[in-house]
């Protein structure tokens, strides 16, 4: 993804985790991690349909109050220009 594609409240994938954008700075975004557990390594070698179902199972519902902020109940992480390139929209 590129900087302009991020919107506050939008969910996106980076690595093996699902994140929600919480703020946009001049060049960075901040986000909270919504993934409690990682996708199993075995799912990475399977076809896309099976991978997508694995993502759905491994991204549990979080308490809705955790997503209200600022301040957020979850730690915010900074994604710079280099980190943003490795993200994909959900």
C-alpha atoms as a PDB file:
ATOM      1  CA  UNK A   1       0.000   0.000   0.000  1.00  0.00           C
ATOM      2  CA  UNK A   2       1.046   3.594  -0.396  1.00  0.00           C
ATOM      3  CA  UNK A   3       0.474   6.375   2.132  1.00  0.00           C
ATOM      4  CA  UNK A   4      -2.593   7.806   0.378  1.00  0.00           C
ATOM      5  CA  UNK A   5      -4.393   4.426   0.561  1.00  0.00           C
ATOM      6  CA  UNK A   6      -4.463   4.397   4.376  1.00  0.00           C
ATOM      7  CA  UNK A   7      -7.568   5.760   6.096  1.00  0.00           C
ATOM      8  CA  UNK A   8      -8.192   6.061   9.839  1.00  0.00           C
ATOM      9  CA  UNK A   9     -10.288   3.071  10.933  1.00  0.00           C
ATOM     10  CA  UNK A  10      -9.277   0.956   7.906  1.00  0.00           C
ATOM     11  CA  UNK A  11      -8.056  -2.609   8.471  1.00  0.00           C
ATOM     12  CA  UNK A  12      -5.021  -3.886   6.610  1.00  0.00           C
ATOM     13  CA  UNK A  13      -2.637  -6.825   6.645  1.00  0.00           C
ATOM     14  CA  UNK A  14       1.091  -6.555   7.302  1.00  0.00           C
ATOM     15  CA  UNK A  15       3.137  -9.707   7.685  1.00  0.00           C
ATOM     16  CA  UNK A  16       1.069 -12.289   9.510  1.00  0.00           C
ATOM     17  CA  UNK A  17      -1.089  -9.775  11.378  1.00  0.00           C
ATOM     18  CA  UNK A  18      -4.179  -7.661  10.824  1.00  0.00           C
ATOM     19  CA  UNK A  19      -3.962  -3.993  11.845  1.00  0.00           C
ATOM     20  CA  UNK A  20      -6.278  -0.991  12.079  1.00  0.00           C
ATOM     21  CA  UNK A  21      -5.040   2.468  11.119  1.00  0.00           C
ATOM     22  CA  UNK A  22      -5.517   4.876  14.034  1.00  0.00           C
ATOM     23  CA  UNK A  23      -3.828   8.045  12.749  1.00  0.00           C
ATOM     24  CA  UNK A  24      -2.004   9.531   9.763  1.00  0.00           C
ATOM     25  CA  UNK A  25       0.953  11.824  10.207  1.00  0.00           C
ATOM     26  CA  UNK A  26       2.853  13.677   7.521  1.00  0.00           C
ATOM     27  CA  UNK A  27       4.686  10.559   6.314  1.00  0.00           C
ATOM     28  CA  UNK A  28       3.801   7.834   8.815  1.00  0.00           C
ATOM     29  CA  UNK A  29       0.705   6.043   9.992  1.00  0.00           C
ATOM     30  CA  UNK A  30      -0.003   4.556  13.405  1.00  0.00           C
ATOM     31  CA  UNK A  31      -2.005   1.390  13.874  1.00  0.00           C
ATOM     32  CA  UNK A  32      -3.140  -1.100  16.495  1.00  0.00           C
ATOM     33  CA  UNK A  33      -2.713  -4.835  16.012  1.00  0.00           C
ATOM     34  CA  UNK A  34      -5.982  -6.776  15.885  1.00  0.00           C
ATOM     35  CA  UNK A  35      -4.446 -10.231  15.487  1.00  0.00           C
ATOM     36  CA  UNK A  36      -4.146 -12.153  18.717  1.00  0.00           C
ATOM     37  CA  UNK A  37      -2.401 -15.199  17.233  1.00  0.00           C
ATOM     38  CA  UNK A  38      -0.353 -15.749  14.088  1.00  0.00           C
ATOM     39  CA  UNK A  39      -1.400 -17.675  11.023  1.00  0.00           C
ATOM     40  CA  UNK A  40       0.092 -21.158  11.132  1.00  0.00           C
ATOM     41  CA  UNK A  41       3.138 -21.633   8.937  1.00  0.00           C
ATOM     42  CA  UNK A  42       1.453 -24.567   7.164  1.00  0.00           C
ATOM     43  CA  UNK A  43      -1.191 -22.194   5.732  1.00  0.00           C
ATOM     44  CA  UNK A  44       1.442 -20.180   3.862  1.00  0.00           C
ATOM     45  CA  UNK A  45       2.068 -23.073   1.476  1.00  0.00           C
ATOM     46  CA  UNK A  46      -1.587 -23.678   0.628  1.00  0.00           C
ATOM     47  CA  UNK A  47      -3.734 -22.131  -2.104  1.00  0.00           C
ATOM     48  CA  UNK A  48      -5.210 -18.639  -1.621  1.00  0.00           C
ATOM     49  CA  UNK A  49      -8.720 -19.831  -0.724  1.00  0.00           C
ATOM     50  CA  UNK A  50      -7.414 -21.947   2.146  1.00  0.00           C
ATOM     51  CA  UNK A  51      -5.071 -19.153   3.255  1.00  0.00           C
ATOM     52  CA  UNK A  52      -7.995 -16.699   3.367  1.00  0.00           C
ATOM     53  CA  UNK A  53     -10.015 -19.070   5.553  1.00  0.00           C
ATOM     54  CA  UNK A  54      -6.979 -19.485   7.827  1.00  0.00           C
ATOM     55  CA  UNK A  55      -6.748 -15.692   8.172  1.00  0.00           C
ATOM     56  CA  UNK A  56     -10.418 -15.503   9.125  1.00  0.00           C
ATOM     57  CA  UNK A  57      -9.979 -18.144  11.829  1.00  0.00           C
ATOM     58  CA  UNK A  58      -6.811 -16.565  13.192  1.00  0.00           C
ATOM     59  CA  UNK A  59      -8.236 -13.040  13.461  1.00  0.00           C
ATOM     60  CA  UNK A  60     -10.661 -13.287  16.370  1.00  0.00           C
ATOM     61  CA  UNK A  61     -13.121 -10.628  17.408  1.00  0.00           C
ATOM     62  CA  UNK A  62     -11.667  -8.143  19.863  1.00  0.00           C
ATOM     63  CA  UNK A  63     -13.659  -6.268  22.471  1.00  0.00           C
ATOM     64  CA  UNK A  64     -15.207  -3.285  20.610  1.00  0.00           C
ATOM     65  CA  UNK A  65     -14.167  -0.931  23.419  1.00  0.00           C
ATOM     66  CA  UNK A  66     -10.509  -1.644  22.519  1.00  0.00           C
ATOM     67  CA  UNK A  67     -11.060   0.007  19.131  1.00  0.00           C
ATOM     68  CA  UNK A  68     -12.335   3.298  20.557  1.00  0.00           C
ATOM     69  CA  UNK A  69      -9.817   6.013  21.086  1.00  0.00           C
ATOM     70  CA  UNK A  70      -7.599   7.790  21.374  1.00  0.00           C
ATOM     71  CA  UNK A  71      -6.321   6.636  23.735  1.00  0.00           C
ATOM     72  CA  UNK A  72      -6.615   3.002  22.671  1.00  0.00           C
ATOM     73  CA  UNK A  73      -6.496  -0.027  24.986  1.00  0.00           C
ATOM     74  CA  UNK A  74      -3.996  -1.599  22.569  1.00  0.00           C
ATOM     75  CA  UNK A  75      -0.485  -0.300  21.898  1.00  0.00           C
ATOM     76  CA  UNK A  76      -0.143   1.833  18.762  1.00  0.00           C
ATOM     77  CA  UNK A  77       2.712   1.055  16.373  1.00  0.00           C
ATOM     78  CA  UNK A  78       4.328   3.375  13.838  1.00  0.00           C
ATOM     79  CA  UNK A  79       4.580   2.402  10.154  1.00  0.00           C
ATOM     80  CA  UNK A  80       7.065   4.497   8.167  1.00  0.00           C
ATOM     81  CA  UNK A  81       7.337   4.671   4.366  1.00  0.00           C
ATOM     82  CA  UNK A  82       9.284   1.409   4.169  1.00  0.00           C
ATOM     83  CA  UNK A  83       6.829  -0.472   6.410  1.00  0.00           C
ATOM     84  CA  UNK A  84       3.831   0.771   4.407  1.00  0.00           C
ATOM     85  CA  UNK A  85       5.120  -0.930   1.245  1.00  0.00           C
ATOM     86  CA  UNK A  86       4.675  -4.319   2.922  1.00  0.00           C
ATOM     87  CA  UNK A  87       1.022  -3.736   3.795  1.00  0.00           C
ATOM     88  CA  UNK A  88      -2.040  -4.852   1.858  1.00  0.00           C
ATOM     89  CA  UNK A  89      -5.601  -3.609   2.111  1.00  0.00           C
ATOM     90  CA  UNK A  90      -8.352  -5.920   3.347  1.00  0.00           C
END
